[in-house]
Amino acid sequence: MKETYIEAADKHSVRNVLVDAGSDNLVILAHGITSEKNEDGIYTRFAENILFPDFDSIRFDFRGHGDSQRSPIEMRVSGEILDLMAVIAWAKQHYKRIHLVATSFGASITLLSSSIFDFNFLLSVTMWNPVISYRNTFINSTVSWGKEFFNQSSIEELAYRPYTKISESEFFIGSELTIEFLLLHPEKVVWPEKIPLLIIHGTGDTVVPYKDTVSFSKQNKNVLLHTIPKVDHGFDEKIEEVYEVTKKWINKFC
């Protein structure tokens, strides 16, 4: 295991952990908002105990998270895209066989990036409880989590709000990120037909709408949806099932 950093185009230092098993297959792990490269331990175990020793893996901190030198309020969707693309560029320099696992907000970054850049080099992609719609997750949330902090009386109010504090965290959504939530639509992305995509989502998710995942899966016929009944955002006691299904999916495209 090696801790290092990769420099993004705007000079942001993307802190990361590389687990080197000597494999020619690399799995990139992209985390969610308010989290960090270890995804509260879920990525740590997945990388070091489930993927290892069959796969190398790299997990990293998006800007404003974990060991990043930038504060949460500085985080932008555009900046996270730069971080992901920096990690991808590094991966392509060192590996020919690359897979991606993206959780929650990291999945939205993956969707938007795939609509701009050529991701056809990816052998497989897996998304865990993905943020598909910024409006349904944040601005006009259809689940309980987002309603706790995006409680504006009108959309116009958001043009004058300096920040929004996410409940039970020290994470502040800045005004520019809020505007990005209004402007950007990951749900409208057409998933590249050549890239195998597995989505795993729990029907009891109170943070990210499961219905958005269902709609996205129906609109993109090359997407496989694995549903876990009554499970919340972190998968709880079903995390072993998530690990097993994900690793089988990756193995399928090695």
Foldseek 3Di string as FASTA:
>chain_A
DDWDWFAFPVRWTKTKDKDCLPELEEEEEAEAPLAAQCNVVLNVCLQPPQCPPVYIYMTIGQACYDPTPHNLQPDALVSSLRSVVRVVVVCVVRHQAYEYEYEADRVLSVLVNVLPDPPLSYLAYEYELYAQALCCQAQVHPFDQNCVWNVDPDPVVLCVDQWIDRPPHRHIHGSNRVVVSVVDGSLPRAHPLNYQYEYEYECQARRHHPVSVVVSCVVHVSYHYDYDYNAYRVRPPCSVVVSVVVVVRSVVRD
